[in-house]
Structures are given as C-alpha cells and as structure tokens.
C-alpha atoms as a PDB file:
ATOM      1  CA  MET A   1     -66.616   9.069  -6.776  1.00  0.00           C
ATOM      2  CA  GLY A   2     -65.656   8.406  -3.165  1.00  0.00           C
ATOM      3  CA  LEU A   3     -62.443   6.756  -2.085  1.00  0.00           C
ATOM      4  CA  ALA A   4     -64.267   3.606  -0.930  1.00  0.00           C
ATOM      5  CA  MET A   5     -66.124   3.416  -4.235  1.00  0.00           C
ATOM      6  CA  SER A   6     -62.847   3.789  -6.141  1.00  0.00           C
ATOM      7  CA  ALA A   7     -61.228   1.016  -4.119  1.00  0.00           C
ATOM      8  CA  ASP A   8     -64.247  -1.233  -4.669  1.00  0.00           C
ATOM      9  CA  LEU A   9     -64.183  -0.563  -8.410  1.00  0.00           C
ATOM     10  CA  LEU A  10     -60.456  -1.313  -8.605  1.00  0.00           C
ATOM     11  CA  ALA A  11     -60.938  -4.538  -6.641  1.00  0.00           C
ATOM     12  CA  ARG A  12     -63.713  -5.599  -9.027  1.00  0.00           C
ATOM     13  CA  LEU A  13     -61.532  -4.823 -12.049  1.00  0.00           C
ATOM     14  CA  ILE A  14     -58.677  -6.869 -10.592  1.00  0.00           C
ATOM     15  CA  ALA A  15     -61.052  -9.770  -9.813  1.00  0.00           C
ATOM     16  CA  ALA A  16     -62.390  -9.631 -13.374  1.00  0.00           C
ATOM     17  CA  GLY A  17     -58.864 -10.016 -14.745  1.00  0.00           C
ATOM     18  CA  THR A  18     -58.602  -6.520 -16.216  1.00  0.00           C
ATOM     19  CA  PRO A  19     -55.089  -5.770 -17.517  1.00  0.00           C
ATOM     20  CA  ALA A  20     -52.904  -3.833 -15.070  1.00  0.00           C
ATOM     21  CA  ASP A  21     -52.360  -0.882 -17.425  1.00  0.00           C
ATOM     22  CA  LEU A  22     -56.118  -0.373 -17.730  1.00  0.00           C
ATOM     23  CA  ILE A  23     -56.546  -0.614 -13.960  1.00  0.00           C
ATOM     24  CA  GLY A  24     -53.809   2.004 -13.621  1.00  0.00           C
ATOM     25  CA  GLU A  25     -55.682   4.325 -15.989  1.00  0.00           C
ATOM     26  CA  VAL A  26     -58.898   3.882 -14.032  1.00  0.00           C
ATOM     27  CA  ALA A  27     -57.059   4.581 -10.767  1.00  0.00           C
ATOM     28  CA  MET A  28     -55.543   7.735 -12.269  1.00  0.00           C
ATOM     29  CA  LEU A  29     -58.922   8.979 -13.493  1.00  0.00           C
ATOM     30  CA  ALA A  30     -60.500   8.262 -10.105  1.00  0.00           C
ATOM     31  CA  ALA A  31     -57.735  10.210  -8.353  1.00  0.00           C
ATOM     32  CA  ARG A  32     -58.196  13.159 -10.710  1.00  0.00           C
ATOM     33  CA  ALA A  33     -61.930  13.099 -10.082  1.00  0.00           C
ATOM     34  CA  GLU A  34     -61.336  13.134  -6.320  1.00  0.00           C
ATOM     35  CA  ALA A  35     -58.944  16.081  -6.644  1.00  0.00           C
ATOM     36  CA  ALA A  36     -61.384  17.988  -8.848  1.00  0.00           C
ATOM     37  CA  THR A  37     -64.214  17.376  -6.396  1.00  0.00           C
ATOM     38  CA  ALA A  38     -62.065  18.578  -3.499  1.00  0.00           C
ATOM     39  CA  ALA A  39     -61.131  21.731  -5.434  1.00  0.00           C
ATOM     40  CA  ILE A  40     -64.769  22.450  -6.244  1.00  0.00           C
ATOM     41  CA  GLU A  41     -65.785  21.966  -2.615  1.00  0.00           C
ATOM     42  CA  GLY A  42     -63.008  24.316  -1.524  1.00  0.00           C
ATOM     43  CA  ARG A  43     -64.201  26.997  -3.939  1.00  0.00           C
ATOM     44  CA  ARG A  44     -67.790  26.543  -2.796  1.00  0.00           C
ATOM     45  CA  ALA A  45     -66.767  26.917   0.853  1.00  0.00           C
ATOM     46  CA  LYS A  46     -64.900  30.137   0.052  1.00  0.00           C
ATOM     47  CA  ASP A  47     -67.885  31.418  -1.946  1.00  0.00           C
ATOM     48  CA  ARG A  48     -70.250  30.648   0.946  1.00  0.00           C
ATOM     49  CA  ALA A  49     -67.994  32.511   3.382  1.00  0.00           C
ATOM     50  CA  ARG A  50     -67.670  35.462   1.005  1.00  0.00           C
ATOM     51  CA  GLN A  51     -71.436  35.626   0.432  1.00  0.00           C
ATOM     52  CA  GLN A  52     -72.116  35.415   4.176  1.00  0.00           C
ATOM     53  CA  ALA A  53     -69.697  38.274   4.834  1.00  0.00           C
ATOM     54  CA  ARG A  54     -71.350  40.284   2.058  1.00  0.00           C
ATOM     55  CA  ARG A  55     -74.805  39.665   3.540  1.00  0.00           C
ATOM     56  CA  GLU A  56     -73.573  40.764   6.969  1.00  0.00           C
ATOM     57  CA  ASP A  57     -72.087  43.937   5.470  1.00  0.00           C
ATOM     58  CA  LEU A  58     -75.323  44.691   3.611  1.00  0.00           C
ATOM     59  CA  SER A  59     -77.354  44.026   6.734  1.00  0.00           C
ATOM     60  CA  ARG A  60     -75.137  46.386   8.707  1.00  0.00           C
ATOM     61  CA  ASP A  61     -75.503  49.052   5.988  1.00  0.00           C
ATOM     62  CA  VAL A  62     -79.285  48.692   5.935  1.00  0.00           C
ATOM     63  CA  THR A  63     -79.461  48.942   9.735  1.00  0.00           C
ATOM     64  CA  LEU A  64     -77.370  52.103   9.712  1.00  0.00           C
ATOM     65  CA  GLY A  65     -79.495  53.516   6.903  1.00  0.00           C
ATOM     66  CA  HIS A  66     -82.702  52.973   8.895  1.00  0.00           C
ATOM     67  CA  GLU A  67     -81.233  54.597  11.994  1.00  0.00           C
ATOM     68  CA  THR A  68     -80.223  57.627   9.961  1.00  0.00           C
ATOM     69  CA  SER A  69     -83.646  57.957   8.364  1.00  0.00           C
ATOM     70  CA  ARG A  70     -85.367  57.730  11.786  1.00  0.00           C
ATOM     71  CA  GLU A  71     -83.206  60.579  13.068  1.00  0.00           C
ATOM     72  CA  THR A  72     -84.071  62.780  10.112  1.00  0.00           C
ATOM     73  CA  ALA A  73     -87.766  61.870  10.345  1.00  0.00           C
ATOM     74  CA  ASP A  74     -87.937  63.355  13.869  1.00  0.00           C
ATOM     75  CA  GLU A  75     -86.548  66.695  12.675  1.00  0.00           C
ATOM     76  CA  PRO A  76     -89.065  69.247  11.435  1.00  0.00           C
ATOM     77  CA  ALA A  77     -89.036  69.936   7.723  1.00  0.00           C
ATOM     78  CA  PRO A  78     -87.279  73.182   6.839  1.00  0.00           C
ATOM     79  CA  SER A  79     -89.694  76.024   6.193  1.00  0.00           C
ATOM     80  CA  PRO A  80     -89.315  78.034   3.006  1.00  0.00           C
ATOM     81  CA  PRO A  81     -87.891  81.550   3.459  1.00  0.00           C
END
C-alpha cells in the first residue's frame, strides 16, 4: 500500500467517523506494511546485484575456458611411445 493510498484511506476513515483508536491501528498496520515492502525491495535489489555479479564471474570463467581449449586444440596430440 503506497503512502498516498494510506493517507487517502485514513482520510476516508476519519470522514466516516471511525473511532480514533481504530484509525491509529490502521495507520500502524499501513506503516508496517510500508516498512516490510521497503525491506523486501532492498533484499531483491541486493539479490539482483549478487546474481549479476555471479553471471559476470561465470561468463568470465567460460570465456577463459574457451581460450584455454582453443590453445590446446592447436597443439598436436601426443604420440604413443
């Protein structure tokens, strides 16, 4: 629930004559939801960065692996004694 949506909901509750203690509870729940959403988004951003770094590392490893195999492919196979 966005901040604007929370404010709109609170304004509607006040206009409807909802008791103040209930409005306070709703405000508290909305704030907790906002904090939880922010925490989740933070974790997702860190996960995306970690996955991107992992992909770059794997890509670098694969590139090095191909270069190594090309070098060995140019060498003649050892002949048996």
